[in-house]
C-alpha atoms as a PDB file:
ATOM      1  CA  MET A   1      76.201  80.470  85.133  1.00  0.00           C
ATOM      2  CA  ASP A   2      76.299  81.103  81.439  1.00  0.00           C
ATOM      3  CA  GLU A   3      78.758  82.820  79.411  1.00  0.00           C
ATOM      4  CA  ASN A   4      76.576  86.186  79.324  1.00  0.00           C
ATOM      5  CA  GLN A   5      76.467  86.342  82.889  1.00  0.00           C
ATOM      6  CA  LEU A   6      80.260  85.351  83.326  1.00  0.00           C
ATOM      7  CA  ASN A   7      80.473  88.672  80.659  1.00  0.00           C
ATOM      8  CA  GLU A   8      78.337  91.003  82.941  1.00  0.00           C
ATOM      9  CA  ASN A   9      80.647  89.757  86.110  1.00  0.00           C
ATOM     10  CA  ILE A  10      84.124  90.864  84.620  1.00  0.00           C
ATOM     11  CA  MET A  11      85.233  94.260  84.635  1.00  0.00           C
ATOM     12  CA  LEU A  12      88.130  94.920  82.106  1.00  0.00           C
ATOM     13  CA  ILE A  13      90.500  97.929  82.600  1.00  0.00           C
ATOM     14  CA  ASN A  14      93.215  98.684  79.895  1.00  0.00           C
ATOM     15  CA  LEU A  15      96.454  98.933  81.286  1.00  0.00           C
ATOM     16  CA  PRO A  16      99.578 101.014  80.723  1.00  0.00           C
ATOM     17  CA  SER A  17     102.470  99.465  78.864  1.00  0.00           C
ATOM     18  CA  ALA A  18     104.703  99.618  81.504  1.00  0.00           C
ATOM     19  CA  PHE A  19     102.841  97.523  83.912  1.00  0.00           C
ATOM     20  CA  ASP A  20     103.839  94.418  85.161  1.00  0.00           C
ATOM     21  CA  PHE A  21     101.162  92.549  87.264  1.00  0.00           C
ATOM     22  CA  LYS A  22     103.491  90.271  89.138  1.00  0.00           C
ATOM     23  CA  ALA A  23     105.718  93.035  90.128  1.00  0.00           C
ATOM     24  CA  ASN A  24     102.597  94.630  91.612  1.00  0.00           C
ATOM     25  CA  LEU A  25     101.619  91.115  93.206  1.00  0.00           C
ATOM     26  CA  GLY A  26     105.425  90.782  94.832  1.00  0.00           C
ATOM     27  CA  TYR A  27     104.637  94.455  96.398  1.00  0.00           C
ATOM     28  CA  LEU A  28     101.517  93.363  97.971  1.00  0.00           C
ATOM     29  CA  MET A  29     102.553  89.887  98.767  1.00  0.00           C
ATOM     30  CA  ARG A  30     105.697  91.418 101.079  1.00  0.00           C
ATOM     31  CA  GLU A  31     103.664  91.049 104.404  1.00  0.00           C
ATOM     32  CA  LYS A  32     101.896  87.748 105.237  1.00  0.00           C
ATOM     33  CA  ASN A  33      99.970  89.921 108.129  1.00  0.00           C
ATOM     34  CA  GLU A  34      98.130  91.902 105.390  1.00  0.00           C
ATOM     35  CA  CYS A  35      94.359  91.916 106.221  1.00  0.00           C
ATOM     36  CA  MET A  36      92.847  93.685 103.612  1.00  0.00           C
ATOM     37  CA  PHE A  37      93.132  91.027 100.955  1.00  0.00           C
ATOM     38  CA  HIS A  38      94.119  87.477 100.255  1.00  0.00           C
ATOM     39  CA  ILE A  39      96.467  86.710  97.345  1.00  0.00           C
ATOM     40  CA  GLU A  40      96.727  83.027  95.867  1.00  0.00           C
ATOM     41  CA  GLY A  41      98.548  82.315  93.003  1.00  0.00           C
ATOM     42  CA  ASP A  42      98.239  85.326  90.564  1.00  0.00           C
ATOM     43  CA  THR A  43      94.554  86.624  92.000  1.00  0.00           C
ATOM     44  CA  ILE A  44      93.750  88.972  94.554  1.00  0.00           C
ATOM     45  CA  THR A  45      90.567  88.809  96.627  1.00  0.00           C
ATOM     46  CA  ARG A  46      89.551  91.755  98.377  1.00  0.00           C
ATOM     47  CA  VAL A  47      86.232  94.165  99.000  1.00  0.00           C
ATOM     48  CA  ILE A  48      86.014  97.407  97.348  1.00  0.00           C
ATOM     49  CA  ALA A  49      84.172  99.520  99.398  1.00  0.00           C
ATOM     50  CA  VAL A  50      82.907 102.954  97.688  1.00  0.00           C
ATOM     51  CA  GLY A  51      80.464 105.028  99.796  1.00  0.00           C
ATOM     52  CA  ASP A  52      77.640 102.343 100.264  1.00  0.00           C
ATOM     53  CA  ILE A  53      78.848 100.047  98.006  1.00  0.00           C
ATOM     54  CA  ARG A  54      80.398  96.939  98.799  1.00  0.00           C
ATOM     55  CA  SER A  55      81.869  94.149  96.257  1.00  0.00           C
ATOM     56  CA  LEU A  56      83.688  91.571  96.597  1.00  0.00           C
ATOM     57  CA  VAL A  57      86.219  90.969  93.443  1.00  0.00           C
ATOM     58  CA  GLN A  58      88.988  88.729  92.235  1.00  0.00           C
ATOM     59  CA  ILE A  59      91.573  90.897  90.577  1.00  0.00           C
ATOM     60  CA  SER A  60      93.570  89.155  87.997  1.00  0.00           C
ATOM     61  CA  ALA A  61      95.654  90.258  84.314  1.00  0.00           C
ATOM     62  CA  ASN A  62      94.674  88.789  81.184  1.00  0.00           C
ATOM     63  CA  ASP A  63      96.569  88.047  78.160  1.00  0.00           C
ATOM     64  CA  GLN A  64      95.464  91.173  76.379  1.00  0.00           C
ATOM     65  CA  ASN A  65      97.191  93.714  78.737  1.00  0.00           C
ATOM     66  CA  GLN A  66      93.945  94.242  80.723  1.00  0.00           C
ATOM     67  CA  LEU A  67      93.159  94.288  84.575  1.00  0.00           C
ATOM     68  CA  ALA A  68      90.304  91.649  84.946  1.00  0.00           C
ATOM     69  CA  VAL A  69      87.960  92.416  87.738  1.00  0.00           C
ATOM     70  CA  HIS A  70      85.290  89.574  88.761  1.00  0.00           C
ATOM     71  CA  PHE A  71      82.489  90.381  90.794  1.00  0.00           C
ATOM     72  CA  LEU A  72      81.747  87.741  93.084  1.00  0.00           C
ATOM     73  CA  LYS A  73      78.944  86.641  95.668  1.00  0.00           C
ATOM     74  CA  GLY A  74      76.217  88.490  93.679  1.00  0.00           C
ATOM     75  CA  THR A  75      78.164  91.970  94.371  1.00  0.00           C
ATOM     76  CA  ARG A  76      78.337  93.156  90.976  1.00  0.00           C
ATOM     77  CA  PRO A  77      76.443  97.116  91.203  1.00  0.00           C
ATOM     78  CA  GLU A  78      73.359  97.164  89.686  1.00  0.00           C
ATOM     79  CA  GLU A  79      74.222 100.957  88.361  1.00  0.00           C
ATOM     80  CA  GLU A  80      76.746 101.942  85.962  1.00  0.00           C
ATOM     81  CA  ARG A  81      77.720 104.413  87.869  1.00  0.00           C
ATOM     82  CA  HIS A  82      78.621 102.697  91.017  1.00  0.00           C
ATOM     83  CA  ARG A  83      80.556 100.643  88.682  1.00  0.00           C
ATOM     84  CA  ASP A  84      82.226 103.479  87.288  1.00  0.00           C
ATOM     85  CA  LEU A  85      83.352 104.328  90.915  1.00  0.00           C
ATOM     86  CA  ILE A  86      84.947 100.813  91.692  1.00  0.00           C
ATOM     87  CA  LYS A  87      86.456 101.277  88.272  1.00  0.00           C
ATOM     88  CA  ALA A  88      88.122 104.476  89.595  1.00  0.00           C
ATOM     89  CA  TYR A  89      89.033 103.158  92.746  1.00  0.00           C
ATOM     90  CA  MET A  90      91.389 100.394  90.932  1.00  0.00           C
ATOM     91  CA  LYS A  91      92.614 103.076  88.601  1.00  0.00           C
ATOM     92  CA  GLU A  92      93.794 104.610  91.603  1.00  0.00           C
ATOM     93  CA  TRP A  93      94.786 101.904  93.855  1.00  0.00           C
ATOM     94  CA  PHE A  94      97.247 100.907  91.221  1.00  0.00           C
ATOM     95  CA  ASP A  95      98.103 104.287  89.611  1.00  0.00           C
ATOM     96  CA  LEU A  96      97.086 103.509  86.322  1.00  0.00           C
ATOM     97  CA  ASP A  97      96.565 106.946  84.630  1.00  0.00           C
ATOM     98  CA  SER A  98     100.016 108.078  85.349  1.00  0.00           C
ATOM     99  CA  ASP A  99     102.687 108.065  82.675  1.00  0.00           C
ATOM    100  CA  LEU A 100     106.100 106.413  83.670  1.00  0.00           C
ATOM    101  CA  THR A 101     107.774 107.092  80.904  1.00  0.00           C
ATOM    102  CA  PRO A 102     109.726 110.275  82.184  1.00  0.00           C
ATOM    103  CA  PHE A 103     110.606 108.459  85.604  1.00  0.00           C
ATOM    104  CA  TYR A 104     112.341 105.582  84.008  1.00  0.00           C
ATOM    105  CA  GLU A 105     114.260 107.918  81.833  1.00  0.00           C
ATOM    106  CA  MET A 106     115.488 109.978  84.626  1.00  0.00           C
ATOM    107  CA  ALA A 107     115.857 106.584  86.790  1.00  0.00           C
ATOM    108  CA  LYS A 108     118.000 104.683  84.300  1.00  0.00           C
ATOM    109  CA  ASN A 109     121.158 106.827  84.656  1.00  0.00           C
ATOM    110  CA  ASP A 110     120.412 107.581  88.264  1.00  0.00           C
ATOM    111  CA  PRO A 111     123.196 105.946  90.803  1.00  0.00           C
ATOM    112  CA  LEU A 112     120.208 105.148  93.344  1.00  0.00           C
ATOM    113  CA  LEU A 113     117.253 104.520  90.945  1.00  0.00           C
ATOM    114  CA  LYS A 114     119.062 102.421  88.293  1.00  0.00           C
ATOM    115  CA  LYS A 115     119.046  99.290  89.969  1.00  0.00           C
ATOM    116  CA  PRO A 116     115.370  99.477  91.648  1.00  0.00           C
ATOM    117  CA  ILE A 117     113.456  99.992  88.067  1.00  0.00           C
ATOM    118  CA  GLU A 118     115.424  97.132  86.894  1.00  0.00           C
ATOM    119  CA  ASP A 119     114.417  95.132  89.253  1.00  0.00           C
ATOM    120  CA  PHE A 120     110.829  96.245  89.564  1.00  0.00           C
ATOM    121  CA  TYR A 121     110.045  97.580  86.262  1.00  0.00           C
ATOM    122  CA  GLY A 122     106.252  97.685  85.692  1.00  0.00           C
ATOM    123  CA  LEU A 123     105.314  98.273  89.965  1.00  0.00           C
ATOM    124  CA  ARG A 124     103.037 101.197  89.883  1.00  0.00           C
ATOM    125  CA  HIS A 125     102.810 103.095  93.392  1.00  0.00           C
ATOM    126  CA  VAL A 126     100.408 100.976  94.970  1.00  0.00           C
ATOM    127  CA  GLY A 127      98.397 103.454  96.910  1.00  0.00           C
ATOM    128  CA  ILE A 128      95.517 103.777  99.338  1.00  0.00           C
ATOM    129  CA  PRO A 129      92.571 105.566  98.097  1.00  0.00           C
ATOM    130  CA  ASP A 130      90.807 106.078 101.102  1.00  0.00           C
ATOM    131  CA  LEU A 131      91.819 109.242 103.034  1.00  0.00           C
ATOM    132  CA  PHE A 132      91.175 107.680 106.443  1.00  0.00           C
ATOM    133  CA  GLU A 133      92.612 104.756 106.090  1.00  0.00           C
ATOM    134  CA  ALA A 134      95.396 106.267 104.961  1.00  0.00           C
ATOM    135  CA  LEU A 135      95.551 108.654 107.876  1.00  0.00           C
ATOM    136  CA  CYS A 136      95.226 105.930 110.106  1.00  0.00           C
ATOM    137  CA  TRP A 137      98.041 103.987 108.768  1.00  0.00           C
ATOM    138  CA  GLY A 138     100.254 106.803 108.805  1.00  0.00           C
ATOM    139  CA  VAL A 139      99.485 107.298 112.712  1.00  0.00           C
ATOM    140  CA  ILE A 140      99.890 103.324 113.568  1.00  0.00           C
ATOM    141  CA  GLY A 141     103.293 103.474 111.823  1.00  0.00           C
ATOM    142  CA  GLN A 142     104.720 106.301 113.431  1.00  0.00           C
ATOM    143  CA  GLN A 143     108.064 105.116 115.562  1.00  0.00           C
ATOM    144  CA  ILE A 144     107.401 101.371 115.100  1.00  0.00           C
ATOM    145  CA  ASN A 145     108.701  98.854 113.090  1.00  0.00           C
ATOM    146  CA  LEU A 146     106.452  97.834 109.773  1.00  0.00           C
ATOM    147  CA  THR A 147     105.707  94.082 111.249  1.00  0.00           C
ATOM    148  CA  TYR A 148     104.444  95.678 114.171  1.00  0.00           C
ATOM    149  CA  ALA A 149     102.411  98.090 112.174  1.00  0.00           C
ATOM    150  CA  TYR A 150     100.630  95.739 110.749  1.00  0.00           C
ATOM    151  CA  THR A 151      99.735  93.535 113.553  1.00  0.00           C
ATOM    152  CA  LEU A 152      97.988  96.655 115.128  1.00  0.00           C
ATOM    153  CA  LYS A 153      96.310  97.351 111.550  1.00  0.00           C
ATOM    154  CA  ARG A 154      94.978  93.840 111.661  1.00  0.00           C
ATOM    155  CA  ARG A 155      93.692  94.402 115.754  1.00  0.00           C
ATOM    156  CA  PHE A 156      92.105  97.468 114.536  1.00  0.00           C
ATOM    157  CA  VAL A 157      90.250  96.272 111.287  1.00  0.00           C
ATOM    158  CA  GLU A 158      89.178  93.098 112.828  1.00  0.00           C
ATOM    159  CA  LYS A 159      88.000  95.101 115.879  1.00  0.00           C
ATOM    160  CA  PHE A 160      86.126  97.725 114.423  1.00  0.00           C
ATOM    161  CA  GLY A 161      85.685  97.078 110.344  1.00  0.00           C
ATOM    162  CA  GLU A 162      83.008  95.394 108.507  1.00  0.00           C
ATOM    163  CA  ALA A 163      83.544  91.925 106.991  1.00  0.00           C
ATOM    164  CA  MET A 164      82.472  89.457 103.949  1.00  0.00           C
ATOM    165  CA  GLU A 165      82.542  85.774 104.236  1.00  0.00           C
ATOM    166  CA  ARG A 166      83.318  83.336 101.412  1.00  0.00           C
ATOM    167  CA  ASP A 167      84.404  79.915 100.989  1.00  0.00           C
ATOM    168  CA  SER A 168      85.291  79.909 104.647  1.00  0.00           C
ATOM    169  CA  LYS A 169      87.462  82.954 104.388  1.00  0.00           C
ATOM    170  CA  THR A 170      86.890  86.498 106.033  1.00  0.00           C
ATOM    171  CA  TYR A 171      87.321  89.768 103.722  1.00  0.00           C
ATOM    172  CA  TRP A 172      87.773  92.752 105.953  1.00  0.00           C
ATOM    173  CA  MET A 173      86.807  96.383 105.081  1.00  0.00           C
ATOM    174  CA  PHE A 174      88.439  98.850 106.905  1.00  0.00           C
ATOM    175  CA  PRO A 175      86.474 100.603 109.731  1.00  0.00           C
ATOM    176  CA  THR A 176      84.565 104.006 108.598  1.00  0.00           C
ATOM    177  CA  PHE A 177      85.409 107.488 110.299  1.00  0.00           C
ATOM    178  CA  ASP A 178      81.651 107.879 111.313  1.00  0.00           C
ATOM    179  CA  LYS A 179      82.036 104.481 113.367  1.00  0.00           C
ATOM    180  CA  ILE A 180      85.453 105.301 114.535  1.00  0.00           C
ATOM    181  CA  ALA A 181      84.395 109.045 115.618  1.00  0.00           C
ATOM    182  CA  LYS A 182      81.788 107.968 118.173  1.00  0.00           C
ATOM    183  CA  LEU A 183      84.548 105.866 120.280  1.00  0.00           C
ATOM    184  CA  THR A 184      86.790 106.439 123.115  1.00  0.00           C
ATOM    185  CA  THR A 185      90.243 105.460 124.030  1.00  0.00           C
ATOM    186  CA  GLU A 186      88.782 102.811 126.647  1.00  0.00           C
ATOM    187  CA  ASP A 187      87.194 101.108 123.632  1.00  0.00           C
ATOM    188  CA  PHE A 188      90.945 100.509 122.065  1.00  0.00           C
ATOM    189  CA  ALA A 189      92.364  99.455 125.401  1.00  0.00           C
ATOM    190  CA  ASP A 190      93.090  95.647 124.208  1.00  0.00           C
ATOM    191  CA  MET A 191      94.664  96.668 121.301  1.00  0.00           C
ATOM    192  CA  LYS A 192      97.633  97.228 122.539  1.00  0.00           C
ATOM    193  CA  MET A 193      98.108 100.791 120.525  1.00  0.00           C
ATOM    194  CA  THR A 194      99.187 104.125 122.949  1.00  0.00           C
ATOM    195  CA  VAL A 195      96.779 105.941 124.151  1.00  0.00           C
ATOM    196  CA  LYS A 196      98.317 108.982 122.280  1.00  0.00           C
ATOM    197  CA  LYS A 197      97.824 106.993 119.006  1.00  0.00           C
ATOM    198  CA  SER A 198      94.005 106.101 119.963  1.00  0.00           C
ATOM    199  CA  GLU A 199      93.328 109.406 120.638  1.00  0.00           C
ATOM    200  CA  TYR A 200      94.878 110.810 117.068  1.00  0.00           C
ATOM    201  CA  ILE A 201      92.897 108.432 114.883  1.00  0.00           C
ATOM    202  CA  ILE A 202      89.673 109.643 116.995  1.00  0.00           C
ATOM    203  CA  GLY A 203      90.488 112.912 116.486  1.00  0.00           C
ATOM    204  CA  ILE A 204      90.933 112.441 113.000  1.00  0.00           C
ATOM    205  CA  ALA A 205      88.113 110.428 112.238  1.00  0.00           C
ATOM    206  CA  ARG A 206      86.072 113.322 114.417  1.00  0.00           C
ATOM    207  CA  LEU A 207      87.690 115.831 111.796  1.00  0.00           C
ATOM    208  CA  MET A 208      86.414 113.857 108.824  1.00  0.00           C
ATOM    209  CA  ALA A 209      82.936 113.475 110.421  1.00  0.00           C
ATOM    210  CA  ASP A 210      82.236 116.943 111.179  1.00  0.00           C
ATOM    211  CA  GLY A 211      83.284 117.849 107.284  1.00  0.00           C
ATOM    212  CA  GLU A 212      86.144 119.556 108.521  1.00  0.00           C
ATOM    213  CA  LEU A 213      88.497 117.177 106.631  1.00  0.00           C
ATOM    214  CA  SER A 214      88.200 115.517 103.441  1.00  0.00           C
ATOM    215  CA  LYS A 215      90.041 114.010 100.194  1.00  0.00           C
ATOM    216  CA  ASP A 216      87.933 116.777  98.543  1.00  0.00           C
ATOM    217  CA  LEU A 217      89.159 119.551 100.462  1.00  0.00           C
ATOM    218  CA  LEU A 218      92.728 118.560 100.416  1.00  0.00           C
ATOM    219  CA  MET A 219      92.906 117.488  96.727  1.00  0.00           C
ATOM    220  CA  ASN A 220      91.390 121.243  95.705  1.00  0.00           C
ATOM    221  CA  MET A 221      93.931 122.897  97.509  1.00  0.00           C
ATOM    222  CA  LYS A 222      96.063 121.784  94.344  1.00  0.00           C
ATOM    223  CA  ASP A 223      99.353 123.501  96.019  1.00  0.00           C
ATOM    224  CA  PHE A 224     101.562 120.837  97.819  1.00  0.00           C
ATOM    225  CA  LYS A 225     102.538 123.055 100.602  1.00  0.00           C
ATOM    226  CA  ARG A 226      99.583 123.910 101.429  1.00  0.00           C
ATOM    227  CA  ALA A 227      97.843 120.646 101.819  1.00  0.00           C
ATOM    228  CA  GLU A 228     100.917 119.714 103.953  1.00  0.00           C
ATOM    229  CA  LYS A 229     100.613 122.710 106.276  1.00  0.00           C
ATOM    230  CA  SER A 230      96.760 121.727 106.726  1.00  0.00           C
ATOM    231  CA  LEU A 231      97.576 118.186 107.337  1.00  0.00           C
ATOM    232  CA  ILE A 232     100.369 119.190 109.881  1.00  0.00           C
ATOM    233  CA  LYS A 233      97.902 121.680 111.583  1.00  0.00           C
ATOM    234  CA  ILE A 234      96.313 118.154 112.701  1.00  0.00           C
ATOM    235  CA  ARG A 235      96.987 116.462 116.024  1.00  0.00           C
ATOM    236  CA  GLY A 236      99.433 113.757 115.655  1.00  0.00           C
ATOM    237  CA  ILE A 237     100.407 114.285 111.974  1.00  0.00           C
ATOM    238  CA  GLY A 238     103.586 115.532 111.667  1.00  0.00           C
ATOM    239  CA  PRO A 239     105.688 116.069 108.567  1.00  0.00           C
ATOM    240  CA  TRP A 240     106.318 112.431 108.076  1.00  0.00           C
ATOM    241  CA  THR A 241     103.095 111.308 108.343  1.00  0.00           C
ATOM    242  CA  ALA A 242     101.683 114.403 106.135  1.00  0.00           C
ATOM    243  CA  ASN A 243     103.941 113.085 103.092  1.00  0.00           C
ATOM    244  CA  TYR A 244     103.181 109.798 103.782  1.00  0.00           C
ATOM    245  CA  VAL A 245      99.326 110.804 102.856  1.00  0.00           C
ATOM    246  CA  LEU A 246     100.349 112.909 100.238  1.00  0.00           C
ATOM    247  CA  MET A 247     102.406 110.168  98.349  1.00  0.00           C
ATOM    248  CA  ARG A 248      99.843 107.153  99.084  1.00  0.00           C
ATOM    249  CA  CYS A 249      96.492 108.539  99.044  1.00  0.00           C
ATOM    250  CA  LEU A 250      96.329 112.427  97.670  1.00  0.00           C
ATOM    251  CA  ARG A 251      99.088 111.330  95.016  1.00  0.00           C
ATOM    252  CA  PHE A 252     101.347 114.685  95.181  1.00  0.00           C
ATOM    253  CA  PRO A 253     104.335 113.439  92.833  1.00  0.00           C
ATOM    254  CA  ASN A 254     106.875 115.852  95.117  1.00  0.00           C
ATOM    255  CA  ALA A 255     105.506 114.435  98.100  1.00  0.00           C
ATOM    256  CA  PHE A 256     108.909 113.011 100.253  1.00  0.00           C
ATOM    257  CA  PRO A 257     109.174 111.976 103.327  1.00  0.00           C
ATOM    258  CA  ILE A 258     112.798 112.625 103.509  1.00  0.00           C
ATOM    259  CA  ASP A 259     113.193 111.492 107.357  1.00  0.00           C
ATOM    260  CA  ASP A 260     111.656 108.103 106.556  1.00  0.00           C
ATOM    261  CA  ILE A 261     113.985 105.351 108.230  1.00  0.00           C
ATOM    262  CA  GLY A 262     112.790 102.979 105.147  1.00  0.00           C
ATOM    263  CA  LEU A 263     114.091 105.528 102.714  1.00  0.00           C
ATOM    264  CA  ILE A 264     117.110 106.221 104.695  1.00  0.00           C
ATOM    265  CA  ASN A 265     118.356 102.469 105.148  1.00  0.00           C
ATOM    266  CA  SER A 266     117.705 101.917 101.369  1.00  0.00           C
ATOM    267  CA  ILE A 267     119.785 104.791 100.203  1.00  0.00           C
ATOM    268  CA  LYS A 268     122.510 103.782 102.532  1.00  0.00           C
ATOM    269  CA  THR A 269     122.237 100.080 100.935  1.00  0.00           C
ATOM    270  CA  LEU A 270     122.507 101.544  97.509  1.00  0.00           C
ATOM    271  CA  ALA A 271     125.260 103.569  98.024  1.00  0.00           C
ATOM    272  CA  GLY A 272     127.058 101.090  99.518  1.00  0.00           C
ATOM    273  CA  MET A 273     127.574 103.648 103.104  1.00  0.00           C
ATOM    274  CA  ASP A 274     128.713 102.109 106.385  1.00  0.00           C
ATOM    275  CA  ARG A 275     126.463 104.966 108.248  1.00  0.00           C
ATOM    276  CA  LYS A 276     123.261 106.776 107.819  1.00  0.00           C
ATOM    277  CA  PRO A 277     123.286 109.339 105.009  1.00  0.00           C
ATOM    278  CA  THR A 278     122.610 113.097 106.305  1.00  0.00           C
ATOM    279  CA  LYS A 279     119.838 114.877 105.617  1.00  0.00           C
ATOM    280  CA  GLU A 280     122.014 117.133 103.241  1.00  0.00           C
ATOM    281  CA  GLU A 281     123.048 113.929 101.457  1.00  0.00           C
ATOM    282  CA  ILE A 282     119.593 112.698 100.685  1.00  0.00           C
ATOM    283  CA  THR A 283     118.750 116.489  99.837  1.00  0.00           C
ATOM    284  CA  LYS A 284     121.599 116.018  96.857  1.00  0.00           C
ATOM    285  CA  TYR A 285     120.736 112.444  95.680  1.00  0.00           C
ATOM    286  CA  ALA A 286     116.892 113.822  95.205  1.00  0.00           C
ATOM    287  CA  ALA A 287     118.117 116.875  93.345  1.00  0.00           C
ATOM    288  CA  PRO A 288     117.117 115.108  89.732  1.00  0.00           C
ATOM    289  CA  TRP A 289     114.191 113.039  91.117  1.00  0.00           C
ATOM    290  CA  ARG A 290     111.972 116.712  90.917  1.00  0.00           C
ATOM    291  CA  ASN A 291     108.313 116.111  90.767  1.00  0.00           C
ATOM    292  CA  TRP A 292     109.328 112.154  90.926  1.00  0.00           C
ATOM    293  CA  GLU A 293     110.181 112.272  94.290  1.00  0.00           C
ATOM    294  CA  SER A 294     107.252 109.965  95.288  1.00  0.00           C
ATOM    295  CA  TYR A 295     107.887 107.332  92.986  1.00  0.00           C
ATOM    296  CA  ALA A 296     111.378 107.308  93.414  1.00  0.00           C
ATOM    297  CA  THR A 297     110.741 107.367  97.608  1.00  0.00           C
ATOM    298  CA  PHE A 298     108.243 104.059  96.556  1.00  0.00           C
ATOM    299  CA  TYR A 299     110.804 102.129  94.830  1.00  0.00           C
ATOM    300  CA  LEU A 300     113.668 102.942  97.245  1.00  0.00           C
ATOM    301  CA  TRP A 301     111.300 101.204  99.822  1.00  0.00           C
ATOM    302  CA  ARG A 302     110.928  98.421  97.587  1.00  0.00           C
ATOM    303  CA  VAL A 303     114.505  97.808  97.634  1.00  0.00           C
ATOM    304  CA  LEU A 304     114.156  96.634 101.129  1.00  0.00           C
ATOM    305  CA  TYR A 305     110.271  95.947 101.867  1.00  0.00           C
END
């Protein structure tokens, strides 16, 4: 490959000053059973699926404070509009358009957040840009520990998702809602997922396939409470799952899964408590986090995970 071809196959994305690639890698490497990407050294390899476009990319950071996205295996999209969609996906995945200055200013004097921001400065709120993936992950994670949730996610992805192969490695893509909408709970039987969760995921997929649920519809509501209520109306989605999706996918800054066990345990640890904090105590701790509840939760999660 000559230099011109190499340059064509690399997309550069400018990074904000408050970004530390190693801090974000550390977050992505926390679970060894992750099936959506591989990390070797300081490089992430994964498939970016946007619409019908499938691109296998290696992601790293260069010395010019840029994210370098290297298209592999002839998967660079020919049309600029498709490359722009992939760039938008990358920026959304790492939340590159958010200015964290106000968050860090608030957090540096916060009794719970000051240590996490020192330990993980430059960590962005790594998201889940695809709504169906975020909703499924929220449902899968209900009432089970994180390790088993990753096991179920891997089974789900490897059973129903597409894959690309390179150098004897398999790179998986999350199943599409169109495919899952055509299934029945019997198709999930060998995954050891509860029948209820299977029903919830199929129901969500059918809503999306019918056009009754989409990321655009939720984002266009613009009002947090409206979006939250709209999600909670869906069978299988309660306040925790709704706020999880509002955080990780829809990027509402005030999304706050107050009953989350990871959040509760992190607050207990950082506050040096010998019991779990009450909801009233958490509400009091969170008062200064107004409109940064989502980022505060993410950093508190990172303390334990």
